[in-house]
Amino acid sequence: MRTIGMLGGMSWESTAEYYRLANELVRERLGGVHSARIVLDSLDFADVEVLQADGRWDEAGRLLADRARAVVAAGADVVVLCTNTMHLVIEDVERAAGVPVLHIADAAAARIRSAGLDRVGLLGTAFTMEQDFYRDRMAGHGLEVLVPEADDRALVHRVIYEELVRGVVSESSRAEYRAVIERLAERGARGVVLGCTEIELLVGDADSPVPVFPTTRIHVEAAVDLALADG
């Protein structure tokens, strides 16, 4: 079994899901008391959030590159960045790691294409919804990506940073997210990407009229596939 290196803490609420899911999947596939081999480096999200808010992406890239080197030095054979937004600096991580780095948008796009869809809505932080790095990556897989209108983007972003990363799961916010998803479906989205690793703590298939694609679970499944692959 290869060792999965996780760069987490952004936020730890979703990183805990990464850890849990990886171990559950390995146990399901190998049986018995098997668990995943994981090296986890958990950053202080307060530090990262300041860099995000200030647009200091070069500094953020250097920080994550440094932590990628650390997990590889600790024995990681493959690296996953346990956050969607920070894939904005994924090239820094890839250069530093020197081992495979599994891009979360590639994993999600593969799942969407296997479902036969070509147009999806995207929920995430304002950085993920409004900048090109994520949508362009998915467009490279032949996907058309719709984002919510401005007011809905502000709502989605606010709930992530004021509630979900703090462990708050609110029924009123779930209802608001359902309405955002419905509006995306009305505009032609045939599926919805939960493009922030905390969002699936709030909504799932039951909250959407179209299929949802939970990026945390999809990313972990791709990591476990590679960790358990032959060769």
C-alpha atoms as a PDB file:
ATOM      1  CA  MET A   1       0.000   0.000   0.000  1.00  0.00           C
ATOM      2  CA  ARG A   2       1.342   3.417  -0.936  1.00  0.00           C
ATOM      3  CA  THR A   3       1.330   6.182   1.666  1.00  0.00           C
ATOM      4  CA  ILE A   4      -1.048   9.104   1.076  1.00  0.00           C
ATOM      5  CA  GLY A   5       0.292  12.513   2.037  1.00  0.00           C
ATOM      6  CA  MET A   6      -2.484  14.889   3.072  1.00  0.00           C
ATOM      7  CA  LEU A   7      -2.017  18.650   3.252  1.00  0.00           C
ATOM      8  CA  GLY A   8      -4.913  19.544   5.524  1.00  0.00           C
ATOM      9  CA  GLY A   9      -6.255  21.984   8.061  1.00  0.00           C
ATOM     10  CA  MET A  10      -7.957  24.182   5.446  1.00  0.00           C
ATOM     11  CA  SER A  11     -10.236  23.698   7.315  1.00  0.00           C
ATOM     12  CA  TRP A  12      -9.728  20.804   9.739  1.00  0.00           C
ATOM     13  CA  GLU A  13     -13.494  20.165   9.590  1.00  0.00           C
ATOM     14  CA  SER A  14     -13.137  18.718   6.096  1.00  0.00           C
ATOM     15  CA  THR A  15      -9.664  17.280   6.706  1.00  0.00           C
ATOM     16  CA  ALA A  16     -11.224  15.064   9.368  1.00  0.00           C
ATOM     17  CA  GLU A  17     -13.525  13.759   6.623  1.00  0.00           C
ATOM     18  CA  TYR A  18     -10.543  13.057   4.368  1.00  0.00           C
ATOM     19  CA  TYR A  19      -8.918  10.989   7.107  1.00  0.00           C
ATOM     20  CA  ARG A  20     -12.103   9.130   7.998  1.00  0.00           C
ATOM     21  CA  LEU A  21     -13.072   8.369   4.407  1.00  0.00           C
ATOM     22  CA  ALA A  22      -9.603   7.148   3.436  1.00  0.00           C
ATOM     23  CA  ASN A  23      -9.533   4.692   6.310  1.00  0.00           C
ATOM     24  CA  GLU A  24     -13.087   3.510   5.683  1.00  0.00           C
ATOM     25  CA  LEU A  25     -12.401   2.927   1.996  1.00  0.00           C
ATOM     26  CA  VAL A  26      -9.216   0.958   2.657  1.00  0.00           C
ATOM     27  CA  ARG A  27     -11.019  -1.192   5.229  1.00  0.00           C
ATOM     28  CA  GLU A  28     -13.879  -1.818   2.775  1.00  0.00           C
ATOM     29  CA  ARG A  29     -11.502  -2.842   0.003  1.00  0.00           C
ATOM     30  CA  LEU A  30      -8.978  -4.892   1.979  1.00  0.00           C
ATOM     31  CA  GLY A  31     -11.178  -6.121   4.809  1.00  0.00           C
ATOM     32  CA  GLY A  32     -10.286  -7.045   8.355  1.00  0.00           C
ATOM     33  CA  VAL A  33      -8.649  -4.317  10.390  1.00  0.00           C
ATOM     34  CA  HIS A  34      -6.834  -2.704   7.459  1.00  0.00           C
ATOM     35  CA  SER A  35      -6.479   1.069   7.500  1.00  0.00           C
ATOM     36  CA  ALA A  36      -4.861   3.633   5.225  1.00  0.00           C
ATOM     37  CA  ARG A  37      -1.207   4.607   5.413  1.00  0.00           C
ATOM     38  CA  ILE A  38      -1.370   8.389   5.795  1.00  0.00           C
ATOM     39  CA  VAL A  39       1.029  11.215   6.510  1.00  0.00           C
ATOM     40  CA  LEU A  40      -0.984  14.285   7.512  1.00  0.00           C
ATOM     41  CA  ASP A  41       0.359  17.824   7.750  1.00  0.00           C
ATOM     42  CA  SER A  42      -2.348  20.093   9.180  1.00  0.00           C
ATOM     43  CA  LEU A  43      -1.838  23.808   8.646  1.00  0.00           C
ATOM     44  CA  ASP A  44      -3.265  26.590  10.796  1.00  0.00           C
ATOM     45  CA  PHE A  45      -6.143  27.818   8.631  1.00  0.00           C
ATOM     46  CA  ALA A  46      -6.004  31.260  10.220  1.00  0.00           C
ATOM     47  CA  ASP A  47      -2.624  31.787   8.549  1.00  0.00           C
ATOM     48  CA  VAL A  48      -3.891  30.567   5.183  1.00  0.00           C
ATOM     49  CA  GLU A  49      -7.116  32.573   5.366  1.00  0.00           C
ATOM     50  CA  VAL A  50      -5.161  35.824   5.804  1.00  0.00           C
ATOM     51  CA  LEU A  51      -3.124  35.052   2.683  1.00  0.00           C
ATOM     52  CA  GLN A  52      -6.319  34.282   0.750  1.00  0.00           C
ATOM     53  CA  ALA A  53      -8.062  37.467   1.848  1.00  0.00           C
ATOM     54  CA  ASP A  54      -5.025  39.598   0.987  1.00  0.00           C
ATOM     55  CA  GLY A  55      -4.497  37.929  -2.381  1.00  0.00           C
ATOM     56  CA  ARG A  56      -0.997  36.846  -1.349  1.00  0.00           C
ATOM     57  CA  TRP A  57      -1.106  33.710  -3.444  1.00  0.00           C
ATOM     58  CA  ASP A  58       2.655  33.579  -4.041  1.00  0.00           C
ATOM     59  CA  GLU A  59       3.213  33.346  -0.292  1.00  0.00           C
ATOM     60  CA  ALA A  60       0.476  30.741   0.001  1.00  0.00           C
ATOM     61  CA  GLY A  61       2.127  28.723  -2.745  1.00  0.00           C
ATOM     62  CA  ARG A  62       5.477  28.802  -0.983  1.00  0.00           C
ATOM     63  CA  LEU A  63       3.844  27.743   2.283  1.00  0.00           C
ATOM     64  CA  LEU A  64       2.096  24.751   0.740  1.00  0.00           C
ATOM     65  CA  ALA A  65       5.166  23.797  -1.277  1.00  0.00           C
ATOM     66  CA  ASP A  66       7.150  23.673   1.959  1.00  0.00           C
ATOM     67  CA  ARG A  67       4.554  21.449   3.608  1.00  0.00           C
ATOM     68  CA  ALA A  68       4.427  19.202   0.524  1.00  0.00           C
ATOM     69  CA  ARG A  69       8.166  18.629   0.836  1.00  0.00           C
ATOM     70  CA  ALA A  70       7.605  17.766   4.493  1.00  0.00           C
ATOM     71  CA  VAL A  71       5.006  15.052   3.853  1.00  0.00           C
ATOM     72  CA  VAL A  72       7.130  13.541   1.096  1.00  0.00           C
ATOM     73  CA  ALA A  73      10.156  13.530   3.404  1.00  0.00           C
ATOM     74  CA  ALA A  74       7.947  11.747   5.947  1.00  0.00           C
ATOM     75  CA  GLY A  75       7.225   8.987   3.432  1.00  0.00           C
ATOM     76  CA  ALA A  76       4.271  10.096   1.279  1.00  0.00           C
ATOM     77  CA  ASP A  77       4.120   8.426  -2.136  1.00  0.00           C
ATOM     78  CA  VAL A  78       1.207  10.548  -3.384  1.00  0.00           C
ATOM     79  CA  VAL A  79      -0.033  13.947  -2.219  1.00  0.00           C
ATOM     80  CA  VAL A  80      -3.548  15.350  -1.933  1.00  0.00           C
ATOM     81  CA  LEU A  81      -4.320  18.968  -1.112  1.00  0.00           C
ATOM     82  CA  CYS A  82      -7.374  18.720   1.166  1.00  0.00           C
ATOM     83  CA  THR A  83      -9.046  21.867  -0.125  1.00  0.00           C
ATOM     84  CA  ASN A  84     -10.474  23.075  -3.419  1.00  0.00           C
ATOM     85  CA  THR A  85      -9.547  26.745  -3.176  1.00  0.00           C
ATOM     86  CA  MET A  86      -5.845  26.201  -2.601  1.00  0.00           C
ATOM     87  CA  HIS A  87      -5.578  24.301  -5.877  1.00  0.00           C
ATOM     88  CA  LEU A  88      -5.052  27.805  -7.181  1.00  0.00           C
ATOM     89  CA  VAL A  89      -1.398  27.228  -6.207  1.00  0.00           C
ATOM     90  CA  ILE A  90      -1.247  23.538  -7.126  1.00  0.00           C
ATOM     91  CA  GLU A  91       1.679  24.063  -9.507  1.00  0.00           C
ATOM     92  CA  ASP A  92       3.855  25.135  -6.573  1.00  0.00           C
ATOM     93  CA  VAL A  93       2.886  21.974  -4.723  1.00  0.00           C
ATOM     94  CA  GLU A  94       3.553  19.770  -7.756  1.00  0.00           C
ATOM     95  CA  ARG A  95       7.024  21.227  -8.312  1.00  0.00           C
ATOM     96  CA  ALA A  96       7.947  20.776  -4.657  1.00  0.00           C
ATOM     97  CA  ALA A  97       6.512  17.297  -4.131  1.00  0.00           C
ATOM     98  CA  GLY A  98       8.296  15.275  -6.795  1.00  0.00           C
ATOM     99  CA  VAL A  99       5.602  12.586  -6.426  1.00  0.00           C
ATOM    100  CA  PRO A 100       2.108  12.380  -7.954  1.00  0.00           C
ATOM    101  CA  VAL A 101      -0.223  15.145  -6.755  1.00  0.00           C
ATOM    102  CA  LEU A 102      -3.893  14.338  -7.370  1.00  0.00           C
ATOM    103  CA  HIS A 103      -5.792  17.397  -8.578  1.00  0.00           C
ATOM    104  CA  ILE A 104      -9.257  17.551  -7.045  1.00  0.00           C
ATOM    105  CA  ALA A 105     -10.850  19.056 -10.169  1.00  0.00           C
ATOM    106  CA  ASP A 106      -9.434  16.282 -12.369  1.00  0.00           C
ATOM    107  CA  ALA A 107     -10.955  13.653 -10.084  1.00  0.00           C
ATOM    108  CA  ALA A 108     -14.307  15.444 -10.049  1.00  0.00           C
ATOM    109  CA  ALA A 109     -14.303  15.977 -13.811  1.00  0.00           C
ATOM    110  CA  ALA A 110     -13.617  12.291 -14.431  1.00  0.00           C
ATOM    111  CA  ARG A 111     -16.595  11.364 -12.264  1.00  0.00           C
ATOM    112  CA  ILE A 112     -18.835  13.883 -14.020  1.00  0.00           C
ATOM    113  CA  ARG A 113     -17.838  12.649 -17.466  1.00  0.00           C
ATOM    114  CA  SER A 114     -18.394   9.033 -16.406  1.00  0.00           C
ATOM    115  CA  ALA A 115     -21.926  10.076 -15.441  1.00  0.00           C
ATOM    116  CA  GLY A 116     -22.468  11.306 -18.998  1.00  0.00           C
ATOM    117  CA  LEU A 117     -22.771  14.997 -18.109  1.00  0.00           C
ATOM    118  CA  ASP A 118     -21.185  17.968 -19.837  1.00  0.00           C
ATOM    119  CA  ARG A 119     -22.688  20.995 -18.058  1.00  0.00           C
ATOM    120  CA  VAL A 120     -22.489  21.455 -14.287  1.00  0.00           C
ATOM    121  CA  GLY A 121     -22.924  24.145 -11.689  1.00  0.00           C
ATOM    122  CA  LEU A 122     -20.108  24.964  -9.292  1.00  0.00           C
ATOM    123  CA  LEU A 123     -20.417  25.902  -5.627  1.00  0.00           C
ATOM    124  CA  GLY A 124     -17.330  26.938  -3.682  1.00  0.00           C
ATOM    125  CA  THR A 125     -15.563  29.872  -2.150  1.00  0.00           C
ATOM    126  CA  ALA A 126     -15.644  33.141  -4.060  1.00  0.00           C
ATOM    127  CA  PHE A 127     -12.051  32.419  -5.100  1.00  0.00           C
ATOM    128  CA  THR A 128     -13.046  29.095  -6.638  1.00  0.00           C
ATOM    129  CA  MET A 129     -16.224  30.348  -8.284  1.00  0.00           C
ATOM    130  CA  GLU A 130     -14.889  33.647  -9.611  1.00  0.00           C
ATOM    131  CA  GLN A 131     -11.306  32.915 -10.647  1.00  0.00           C
ATOM    132  CA  ASP A 132     -10.380  30.848 -13.680  1.00  0.00           C
ATOM    133  CA  PHE A 133      -8.140  28.148 -12.200  1.00  0.00           C
ATOM    134  CA  TYR A 134     -10.913  25.669 -11.358  1.00  0.00           C
ATOM    135  CA  ARG A 135     -13.340  26.305 -14.208  1.00  0.00           C
ATOM    136  CA  ASP A 136     -10.518  26.206 -16.767  1.00  0.00           C
ATOM    137  CA  ARG A 137      -9.284  22.892 -15.378  1.00  0.00           C
ATOM    138  CA  MET A 138     -12.750  21.419 -15.804  1.00  0.00           C
ATOM    139  CA  ALA A 139     -13.139  22.977 -19.239  1.00  0.00           C
ATOM    140  CA  GLY A 140     -10.017  21.033 -20.199  1.00  0.00           C
ATOM    141  CA  HIS A 141     -12.082  17.893 -19.606  1.00  0.00           C
ATOM    142  CA  GLY A 142     -14.833  19.119 -21.933  1.00  0.00           C
ATOM    143  CA  LEU A 143     -17.117  20.467 -19.226  1.00  0.00           C
ATOM    144  CA  GLU A 144     -19.134  23.664 -19.264  1.00  0.00           C
ATOM    145  CA  VAL A 145     -19.201  25.151 -15.766  1.00  0.00           C
ATOM    146  CA  LEU A 146     -21.900  27.523 -14.525  1.00  0.00           C
ATOM    147  CA  VAL A 147     -21.469  29.577 -11.361  1.00  0.00           C
ATOM    148  CA  PRO A 148     -24.233  31.198  -9.304  1.00  0.00           C
ATOM    149  CA  GLU A 149     -25.207  34.823  -9.798  1.00  0.00           C
ATOM    150  CA  ALA A 150     -23.394  37.427  -7.697  1.00  0.00           C
ATOM    151  CA  ASP A 151     -25.787  37.469  -4.722  1.00  0.00           C
ATOM    152  CA  ASP A 152     -25.813  33.691  -4.558  1.00  0.00           C
ATOM    153  CA  ARG A 153     -22.008  33.547  -4.779  1.00  0.00           C
ATOM    154  CA  ALA A 154     -21.779  35.929  -1.831  1.00  0.00           C
ATOM    155  CA  LEU A 155     -24.182  33.752   0.162  1.00  0.00           C
ATOM    156  CA  VAL A 156     -22.316  30.536  -0.606  1.00  0.00           C
ATOM    157  CA  HIS A 157     -18.975  32.119   0.337  1.00  0.00           C
ATOM    158  CA  ARG A 158     -20.320  33.627   3.560  1.00  0.00           C
ATOM    159  CA  VAL A 159     -21.737  30.333   4.790  1.00  0.00           C
ATOM    160  CA  ILE A 160     -18.425  28.572   4.143  1.00  0.00           C
ATOM    161  CA  TYR A 161     -16.284  31.052   6.071  1.00  0.00           C
ATOM    162  CA  GLU A 162     -18.710  32.113   8.794  1.00  0.00           C
ATOM    163  CA  GLU A 163     -20.280  28.716   9.455  1.00  0.00           C
ATOM    164  CA  LEU A 164     -18.912  25.547   7.869  1.00  0.00           C
ATOM    165  CA  VAL A 165     -15.191  26.030   8.587  1.00  0.00           C
ATOM    166  CA  ARG A 166     -16.218  26.764  12.183  1.00  0.00           C
ATOM    167  CA  GLY A 167     -18.231  23.551  12.500  1.00  0.00           C
ATOM    168  CA  VAL A 168     -21.637  25.252  12.251  1.00  0.00           C
ATOM    169  CA  VAL A 169     -24.246  23.392  10.180  1.00  0.00           C
ATOM    170  CA  SER A 170     -27.441  25.410   9.939  1.00  0.00           C
ATOM    171  CA  GLU A 171     -30.829  24.325   8.622  1.00  0.00           C
ATOM    172  CA  SER A 172     -31.485  27.846   7.356  1.00  0.00           C
ATOM    173  CA  SER A 173     -28.230  27.785   5.374  1.00  0.00           C
ATOM    174  CA  ARG A 174     -29.108  24.344   4.015  1.00  0.00           C
ATOM    175  CA  ALA A 175     -32.387  25.792   2.723  1.00  0.00           C
ATOM    176  CA  GLU A 176     -30.530  28.716   1.142  1.00  0.00           C
ATOM    177  CA  TYR A 177     -28.059  26.380  -0.553  1.00  0.00           C
ATOM    178  CA  ARG A 178     -30.934  24.285  -1.864  1.00  0.00           C
ATOM    179  CA  ALA A 179     -32.386  27.405  -3.465  1.00  0.00           C
ATOM    180  CA  VAL A 180     -29.032  28.284  -5.055  1.00  0.00           C
ATOM    181  CA  ILE A 181     -28.753  24.764  -6.472  1.00  0.00           C
ATOM    182  CA  GLU A 182     -32.274  24.946  -7.859  1.00  0.00           C
ATOM    183  CA  ARG A 183     -31.464  28.202  -9.639  1.00  0.00           C
ATOM    184  CA  LEU A 184     -28.370  26.619 -11.186  1.00  0.00           C
ATOM    185  CA  ALA A 185     -30.482  23.688 -12.384  1.00  0.00           C
ATOM    186  CA  GLU A 186     -33.025  26.102 -13.863  1.00  0.00           C
ATOM    187  CA  ARG A 187     -30.168  27.696 -15.843  1.00  0.00           C
ATOM    188  CA  GLY A 188     -29.251  24.347 -17.339  1.00  0.00           C
ATOM    189  CA  ALA A 189     -26.815  22.717 -14.915  1.00  0.00           C
ATOM    190  CA  ARG A 190     -27.250  18.955 -15.177  1.00  0.00           C
ATOM    191  CA  GLY A 191     -25.214  18.360 -12.027  1.00  0.00           C
ATOM    192  CA  VAL A 192     -23.645  20.408  -9.246  1.00  0.00           C
ATOM    193  CA  VAL A 193     -20.040  20.258  -8.078  1.00  0.00           C
ATOM    194  CA  LEU A 194     -19.665  20.760  -4.329  1.00  0.00           C
ATOM    195  CA  GLY A 195     -16.400  22.551  -4.981  1.00  0.00           C
ATOM    196  CA  CYS A 196     -15.476  23.349  -1.415  1.00  0.00           C
ATOM    197  CA  THR A 197     -14.550  20.471   0.836  1.00  0.00           C
ATOM    198  CA  GLU A 198     -16.837  21.679   3.643  1.00  0.00           C
ATOM    199  CA  ILE A 199     -20.006  21.994   1.535  1.00  0.00           C
ATOM    200  CA  GLU A 200     -20.837  18.301   1.669  1.00  0.00           C
ATOM    201  CA  LEU A 201     -21.130  18.674   5.442  1.00  0.00           C
ATOM    202  CA  LEU A 202     -24.213  20.771   4.648  1.00  0.00           C
ATOM    203  CA  VAL A 203     -25.865  19.425   1.475  1.00  0.00           C
ATOM    204  CA  GLY A 204     -26.000  16.212  -0.517  1.00  0.00           C
ATOM    205  CA  ASP A 205     -28.057  14.352  -3.103  1.00  0.00           C
ATOM    206  CA  ALA A 206     -31.279  14.817  -1.144  1.00  0.00           C
ATOM    207  CA  ASP A 207     -30.903  18.592  -1.370  1.00  0.00           C
ATOM    208  CA  SER A 208     -30.601  18.799  -5.148  1.00  0.00           C
ATOM    209  CA  PRO A 209     -32.862  18.183  -8.156  1.00  0.00           C
ATOM    210  CA  VAL A 210     -29.761  17.128 -10.134  1.00  0.00           C
ATOM    211  CA  PRO A 211     -26.819  14.875  -9.182  1.00  0.00           C
ATOM    212  CA  VAL A 212     -24.248  16.372  -6.844  1.00  0.00           C
ATOM    213  CA  PHE A 213     -20.528  15.638  -6.987  1.00  0.00           C
ATOM    214  CA  PRO A 214     -18.942  15.761  -3.506  1.00  0.00           C
ATOM    215  CA  THR A 215     -15.325  16.641  -4.155  1.00  0.00           C
ATOM    216  CA  THR A 216     -13.981  15.498  -0.788  1.00  0.00           C
ATOM    217  CA  ARG A 217     -15.234  11.952  -1.249  1.00  0.00           C
ATOM    218  CA  ILE A 218     -14.283  11.863  -4.924  1.00  0.00           C
ATOM    219  CA  HIS A 219     -10.765  13.112  -4.166  1.00  0.00           C
ATOM    220  CA  VAL A 220     -10.256  10.560  -1.395  1.00  0.00           C
ATOM    221  CA  GLU A 221     -11.517   7.743  -3.600  1.00  0.00           C
ATOM    222  CA  ALA A 222      -8.979   8.695  -6.281  1.00  0.00           C
ATOM    223  CA  ALA A 223      -6.198   8.774  -3.673  1.00  0.00           C
ATOM    224  CA  VAL A 224      -7.135   5.351  -2.314  1.00  0.00           C
ATOM    225  CA  ASP A 225      -7.346   3.949  -5.871  1.00  0.00           C
ATOM    226  CA  LEU A 226      -3.756   5.043  -6.453  1.00  0.00           C
ATOM    227  CA  ALA A 227      -2.567   3.915  -3.040  1.00  0.00           C
ATOM    228  CA  LEU A 228      -3.905   0.410  -3.646  1.00  0.00           C
ATOM    229  CA  ALA A 229      -3.068   0.129  -7.363  1.00  0.00           C
ATOM    230  CA  ASP A 230      -0.661  -2.537  -8.530  1.00  0.00           C
ATOM    231  CA  GLY A 231       2.746  -1.535  -9.809  1.00  0.00           C
END
